[in-house]
Protein backbone atom coordinates (compact mmCIF):
# COMPACT_ATOMS: atom_id res chain seq x y z
CA MET A 1 -18.33 -40.82 -72.19
CA SER A 2 -16.21 -40.36 -69.05
CA PRO A 3 -15.46 -36.84 -67.85
CA ALA A 4 -11.88 -35.65 -68.21
CA ALA A 5 -9.96 -35.23 -64.95
CA PHE A 6 -10.19 -31.54 -64.04
CA SER A 7 -9.57 -29.74 -60.77
CA LEU A 8 -10.48 -26.25 -59.54
CA ASN A 9 -8.32 -23.91 -57.49
CA LEU A 10 -10.48 -22.81 -54.56
CA HIS A 11 -8.42 -20.19 -52.73
CA GLY A 12 -5.36 -22.45 -52.93
CA ARG A 13 -7.20 -25.70 -52.24
CA LEU A 14 -7.55 -28.12 -55.17
CA PHE A 15 -11.07 -29.44 -55.72
CA SER A 16 -11.17 -32.53 -57.90
CA LEU A 17 -13.65 -33.06 -60.72
CA SER A 18 -12.16 -36.41 -61.69
CA GLU A 19 -15.58 -37.83 -60.82
CA PRO A 20 -18.93 -36.02 -61.25
CA VAL A 21 -20.02 -33.94 -58.27
CA VAL A 22 -23.43 -32.72 -57.15
CA MET A 23 -24.07 -29.04 -56.44
CA GLY A 24 -27.03 -28.32 -54.15
CA ILE A 25 -29.15 -25.24 -54.85
CA ILE A 26 -30.09 -22.70 -52.19
CA ASN A 27 -32.33 -19.80 -53.17
CA LEU A 28 -32.47 -16.77 -50.89
CA THR A 29 -35.42 -15.41 -52.85
CA PRO A 30 -39.17 -15.29 -52.28
CA ASP A 31 -39.99 -16.04 -55.94
CA SER A 32 -37.78 -18.86 -57.23
CA PHE A 33 -39.64 -21.03 -59.77
CA TYR A 34 -39.45 -24.06 -57.45
CA ALA A 35 -40.98 -23.10 -54.12
CA ALA A 36 -39.35 -25.90 -52.12
CA SER A 37 -35.88 -24.53 -52.94
CA ARG A 38 -36.51 -21.23 -51.15
CA SER A 39 -34.73 -20.96 -47.82
CA ASN A 40 -35.92 -18.18 -45.56
CA GLY A 41 -34.95 -17.84 -41.93
CA GLU A 42 -31.89 -19.10 -40.09
CA ALA A 43 -33.36 -22.44 -38.99
CA GLN A 44 -34.67 -23.34 -42.45
CA LEU A 45 -31.43 -22.30 -44.16
CA THR A 46 -29.28 -24.23 -41.68
CA GLU A 47 -31.44 -27.31 -42.18
CA ARG A 48 -31.07 -27.02 -45.95
CA VAL A 49 -27.27 -26.75 -45.76
CA LEU A 50 -27.02 -29.79 -43.50
CA GLN A 51 -29.38 -31.71 -45.79
CA ILE A 52 -27.22 -31.00 -48.86
CA VAL A 53 -24.08 -32.14 -47.06
CA SER A 54 -25.62 -35.24 -45.47
CA GLU A 55 -27.05 -36.37 -48.81
CA GLY A 56 -23.66 -36.18 -50.51
CA GLY A 57 -23.57 -32.74 -52.09
CA LYS A 58 -20.02 -31.48 -52.62
CA LEU A 59 -20.83 -27.87 -53.59
CA ILE A 60 -23.48 -25.32 -52.69
CA ASP A 61 -24.78 -22.73 -55.15
CA VAL A 62 -26.52 -19.81 -53.50
CA GLY A 63 -28.46 -17.07 -55.26
CA ALA A 64 -30.46 -14.06 -54.15
CA TYR A 65 -31.87 -12.95 -57.52
CA SER A 66 -34.46 -15.14 -59.20
CA SER A 67 -33.69 -15.65 -62.90
CA ARG A 68 -37.02 -17.19 -63.85
CA PRO A 69 -38.92 -15.39 -66.64
CA GLY A 70 -41.04 -12.59 -65.21
CA ALA A 71 -39.31 -12.53 -61.84
CA SER A 72 -39.21 -9.25 -59.94
CA ASP A 73 -36.12 -7.08 -60.22
CA VAL A 74 -33.88 -6.99 -57.15
CA SER A 75 -31.67 -4.02 -56.33
CA VAL A 76 -27.93 -4.46 -55.82
CA ASP A 77 -28.32 -3.46 -52.17
CA GLU A 78 -31.07 -6.01 -51.57
CA GLU A 79 -29.15 -8.78 -53.32
CA MET A 80 -26.11 -7.99 -51.17
CA ARG A 81 -28.20 -7.87 -48.01
CA ARG A 82 -29.73 -11.28 -48.67
CA LEU A 83 -26.35 -12.81 -49.49
CA ARG A 84 -24.53 -11.34 -46.50
CA GLN A 85 -27.17 -12.70 -44.18
CA GLY A 86 -27.50 -16.07 -45.91
CA LEU A 87 -23.81 -16.78 -46.45
CA LYS A 88 -22.99 -16.16 -42.80
CA ILE A 89 -25.56 -18.79 -41.85
CA ILE A 90 -24.28 -21.22 -44.49
CA ARG A 91 -20.69 -20.81 -43.31
CA ALA A 92 -21.69 -21.31 -39.69
CA ALA A 93 -23.62 -24.48 -40.55
CA CYS A 94 -20.84 -26.02 -42.65
CA PRO A 95 -17.58 -24.07 -42.92
CA ASP A 96 -15.81 -26.53 -45.21
CA ILE A 97 -18.17 -27.01 -48.15
CA PRO A 98 -17.21 -24.85 -51.16
CA VAL A 99 -19.81 -22.23 -52.07
CA SER A 100 -20.67 -20.74 -55.43
CA VAL A 101 -22.56 -17.45 -55.66
CA ASP A 102 -25.14 -17.19 -58.44
CA THR A 103 -24.97 -13.55 -59.57
CA PHE A 104 -24.46 -11.58 -62.77
CA ARG A 105 -23.29 -8.45 -60.92
CA ALA A 106 -19.56 -7.84 -60.52
CA ASP A 107 -19.90 -5.83 -57.30
CA VAL A 108 -21.95 -8.60 -55.71
CA ALA A 109 -19.42 -11.23 -56.77
CA LYS A 110 -16.58 -9.12 -55.37
CA MET A 111 -18.33 -8.70 -52.01
CA CYS A 112 -19.12 -12.40 -51.69
CA VAL A 113 -15.56 -13.49 -52.46
CA GLU A 114 -13.67 -10.82 -50.51
CA GLU A 115 -15.96 -10.41 -47.49
CA LEU A 116 -17.52 -13.85 -47.17
CA GLY A 117 -14.96 -16.23 -48.67
CA VAL A 118 -17.09 -17.57 -51.52
CA GLU A 119 -14.96 -19.79 -53.76
CA ILE A 120 -16.78 -19.77 -57.13
CA VAL A 121 -18.79 -17.24 -59.16
CA ASN A 122 -21.73 -18.51 -61.24
CA ASP A 123 -22.84 -15.97 -63.88
CA ILE A 124 -25.92 -16.73 -65.97
CA SER A 125 -24.99 -13.96 -68.42
CA ALA A 126 -21.29 -14.76 -69.05
CA GLY A 127 -20.47 -11.10 -68.50
CA GLU A 128 -23.18 -9.74 -70.82
CA LEU A 129 -25.21 -8.04 -68.07
CA ASP A 130 -22.21 -6.45 -66.33
CA LYS A 131 -19.15 -5.54 -68.37
CA GLU A 132 -17.06 -5.40 -65.20
CA MET A 133 -17.60 -9.09 -64.46
CA PHE A 134 -14.70 -10.47 -66.52
CA PRO A 135 -12.03 -8.09 -65.14
CA THR A 136 -13.44 -8.63 -61.65
CA ILE A 137 -13.11 -12.41 -61.98
CA ALA A 138 -9.53 -11.96 -63.23
CA ARG A 139 -8.67 -9.91 -60.13
CA LEU A 140 -10.46 -12.25 -57.73
CA LYS A 141 -8.78 -15.35 -59.22
CA VAL A 142 -11.72 -17.66 -58.55
CA PRO A 143 -13.30 -20.31 -60.79
CA TYR A 144 -15.96 -18.86 -63.06
CA ILE A 145 -19.08 -20.66 -64.25
CA MET A 146 -20.39 -18.96 -67.38
CA MET A 147 -23.71 -19.83 -68.91
CA HIS A 148 -25.15 -19.29 -72.38
CA MET A 149 -28.17 -16.99 -72.55
CA LYS A 150 -29.65 -14.54 -75.02
CA GLY A 151 -31.11 -11.29 -73.68
CA ASN A 152 -31.88 -11.12 -69.97
CA PRO A 153 -34.07 -13.16 -67.59
CA ARG A 154 -37.13 -11.01 -68.33
CA THR A 155 -36.86 -11.25 -72.14
CA MET A 156 -35.01 -14.50 -72.77
CA GLN A 157 -38.12 -16.56 -73.55
CA ASP A 158 -39.65 -14.01 -75.95
CA HIS A 159 -39.52 -16.16 -79.10
CA PRO A 160 -35.90 -17.36 -78.91
CA HIS A 161 -34.54 -18.15 -82.39
CA TYR A 162 -31.35 -19.73 -83.70
CA ASP A 163 -30.30 -20.34 -87.29
CA ASP A 164 -27.74 -22.84 -85.98
CA LEU A 165 -28.25 -23.65 -82.30
CA MET A 166 -24.99 -25.47 -81.57
CA GLY A 167 -22.93 -23.31 -83.90
CA GLU A 168 -24.12 -20.10 -82.26
CA ILE A 169 -23.57 -21.39 -78.73
CA PHE A 170 -20.10 -22.66 -79.65
CA LEU A 171 -19.17 -19.31 -81.20
CA TYR A 172 -20.48 -17.52 -78.09
CA PHE A 173 -18.36 -19.65 -75.76
CA SER A 174 -15.29 -19.46 -78.02
CA HIS A 175 -15.27 -15.65 -77.90
CA LYS A 176 -15.85 -15.61 -74.14
CA ILE A 177 -13.15 -18.19 -73.39
CA ASN A 178 -10.58 -16.37 -75.53
CA ARG A 179 -11.32 -13.09 -73.77
CA LEU A 180 -11.07 -14.66 -70.32
CA ARG A 181 -7.80 -16.39 -71.20
CA GLU A 182 -6.35 -13.09 -72.42
CA ILE A 183 -6.92 -11.47 -69.02
CA GLY A 184 -5.58 -14.41 -67.04
CA VAL A 185 -8.66 -16.39 -65.99
CA SER A 186 -7.71 -20.07 -65.88
CA ASP A 187 -10.57 -21.89 -64.11
CA ILE A 188 -13.59 -21.72 -66.43
CA ILE A 189 -16.67 -23.96 -66.24
CA LEU A 190 -19.22 -24.06 -69.07
CA ASP A 191 -22.99 -24.18 -68.54
CA PRO A 192 -24.98 -24.61 -71.80
CA GLY A 193 -27.95 -22.83 -70.22
CA PHE A 194 -30.87 -25.23 -70.36
CA GLY A 195 -34.10 -23.24 -70.17
CA PHE A 196 -32.46 -19.88 -70.84
CA ALA A 197 -33.48 -18.35 -74.17
CA LYS A 198 -34.36 -21.78 -75.52
CA THR A 199 -37.56 -23.46 -76.62
CA LEU A 200 -38.53 -26.98 -75.59
CA GLU A 201 -37.07 -28.25 -78.85
CA HIS A 202 -33.85 -26.26 -78.39
CA ASN A 203 -33.35 -27.79 -74.95
CA TYR A 204 -33.60 -31.36 -76.21
CA GLN A 205 -31.41 -30.62 -79.23
CA LEU A 206 -28.83 -29.22 -76.82
CA LEU A 207 -29.08 -32.29 -74.60
CA SER A 208 -28.64 -34.62 -77.57
CA HIS A 209 -25.34 -32.89 -78.44
CA LEU A 210 -24.10 -32.26 -74.90
CA GLU A 211 -20.92 -34.30 -75.38
CA ASP A 212 -19.82 -31.88 -78.12
CA PHE A 213 -18.91 -29.34 -75.44
CA HIS A 214 -15.91 -31.48 -74.45
CA GLU A 215 -14.15 -29.97 -77.47
CA PHE A 216 -13.49 -26.93 -75.26
CA GLN A 217 -11.56 -29.12 -72.79
CA LEU A 218 -13.25 -27.44 -69.84
CA PRO A 219 -15.47 -28.73 -67.03
CA LEU A 220 -19.15 -28.92 -67.94
CA LEU A 221 -21.98 -28.00 -65.58
CA VAL A 222 -25.57 -29.06 -66.25
CA GLY A 223 -28.43 -27.30 -64.48
CA ILE A 224 -31.61 -29.02 -65.55
CA SER A 225 -33.33 -29.64 -62.23
CA ARG A 226 -37.16 -29.48 -62.33
CA LYS A 227 -37.10 -27.11 -65.32
CA SER A 228 -39.94 -26.53 -67.74
CA MET A 229 -38.38 -28.75 -70.42
CA ILE A 230 -39.54 -31.60 -68.19
CA PHE A 231 -43.08 -30.66 -67.23
CA ARG A 232 -43.92 -28.98 -70.53
CA LEU A 233 -43.16 -32.30 -72.21
CA LEU A 234 -44.64 -34.67 -69.62
CA GLY A 235 -47.26 -32.48 -67.98
CA GLY A 236 -47.33 -31.45 -64.34
CA THR A 237 -45.37 -28.82 -62.46
CA PRO A 238 -41.87 -28.29 -61.07
CA GLU A 239 -43.05 -30.10 -57.94
CA SER A 240 -43.87 -33.24 -59.94
CA SER A 241 -40.68 -33.25 -62.03
CA LEU A 242 -38.21 -35.20 -59.90
CA ASN A 243 -38.38 -38.36 -61.98
CA GLY A 244 -37.84 -36.42 -65.21
CA THR A 245 -34.96 -34.55 -63.59
CA THR A 246 -33.27 -37.82 -62.64
CA VAL A 247 -33.63 -39.18 -66.16
CA LEU A 248 -32.04 -36.03 -67.62
CA ASN A 249 -29.25 -36.09 -65.03
CA VAL A 250 -28.41 -39.69 -65.95
CA ILE A 251 -28.29 -38.73 -69.65
CA SER A 252 -26.02 -35.80 -68.75
CA LEU A 253 -23.70 -38.09 -66.78
CA LEU A 254 -23.49 -40.53 -69.68
CA LYS A 255 -22.54 -37.59 -71.90
CA GLY A 256 -19.78 -36.50 -69.54
CA ALA A 257 -21.16 -33.80 -67.23
CA HIS A 258 -18.77 -32.87 -64.42
CA ILE A 259 -21.13 -30.91 -62.14
CA LEU A 260 -24.87 -31.42 -61.74
CA ARG A 261 -26.67 -28.42 -60.20
CA VAL A 262 -29.82 -29.75 -58.52
CA HIS A 263 -32.53 -29.21 -55.95
CA ASP A 264 -32.75 -32.90 -55.00
CA VAL A 265 -29.27 -33.91 -53.88
CA LYS A 266 -30.00 -37.45 -52.67
CA ALA A 267 -31.62 -38.57 -55.92
CA CYS A 268 -28.80 -37.07 -57.96
CA VAL A 269 -26.04 -38.61 -55.83
CA GLU A 270 -27.72 -41.99 -56.29
CA ALA A 271 -27.74 -41.45 -60.06
CA VAL A 272 -24.03 -40.58 -59.97
CA THR A 273 -23.27 -43.70 -57.93
CA ILE A 274 -25.20 -45.99 -60.29
CA VAL A 275 -23.63 -44.57 -63.45
CA LYS A 276 -20.17 -44.76 -61.88
CA LYS A 277 -20.69 -48.43 -60.96
CA MET A 278 -21.88 -49.27 -64.47
CA LYS A 279 -18.79 -47.66 -66.00
CA GLU A 280 -16.46 -49.39 -63.56
CA GLU A 281 -17.90 -52.81 -64.36
CA GLY A 282 -17.90 -52.04 -68.06
CA ARG A 283 -14.15 -51.40 -67.91
CA ARG A 284 -13.60 -54.81 -66.32
CA LEU A 285 -14.87 -56.67 -69.39
């Protein structure tokens, strides 16, 4: 399935999603689940930004609050401090690459957009953890990535249960989309939330029906990189899960993902290139 041709309005600049793009992850945290994604210090952060760009990443997603189960709480002030410091370094290293901020706090999103020029807000809670997020996004007029999750990062894996997995997620997104449309938000990106309030079985059920999300006629982001649905099935650790990540990214591309959020940009860009070539040649027959 080929992705529909979408574009995002990034402060007046159109960003095309007519072909899948790779979003490189930067974590400004000391406790992200994948240690190699943590960027601390100006030299290390600059190197990471340049690596993402040189390997073909078209977006950067930066977060300063770890959402892994059991992660330590981070105050608003500390999250802002980390982001102010980190985003200034990112902008200095590569001023032109669009940046998404991974936060569920409206005040943090507002600061990053207004003070530091961030173009996209990525909210794991779809407004559930901060009721001011939706009206804030409407005022900021930036694209909004909203993810499906039950509970919060500390409780989400406490026996997650669904009577109808896809039906409940679809109803969740339908309500959220309608509310956002009512207040004037036009650029919405859906993230099904792999690994968030979902068992191993839920994650693979979700993957098997990923193409169903195209019914919403919105861009689809998949963030599956090195997650536990890989190493809990195959054995190993996040560090040993690159091959599994690539397999899942290819499946996601075949099912029409528009944005792949990853730690390993080069491997993902290669997957995008191979799938694109296969589809091009298939159309020639």
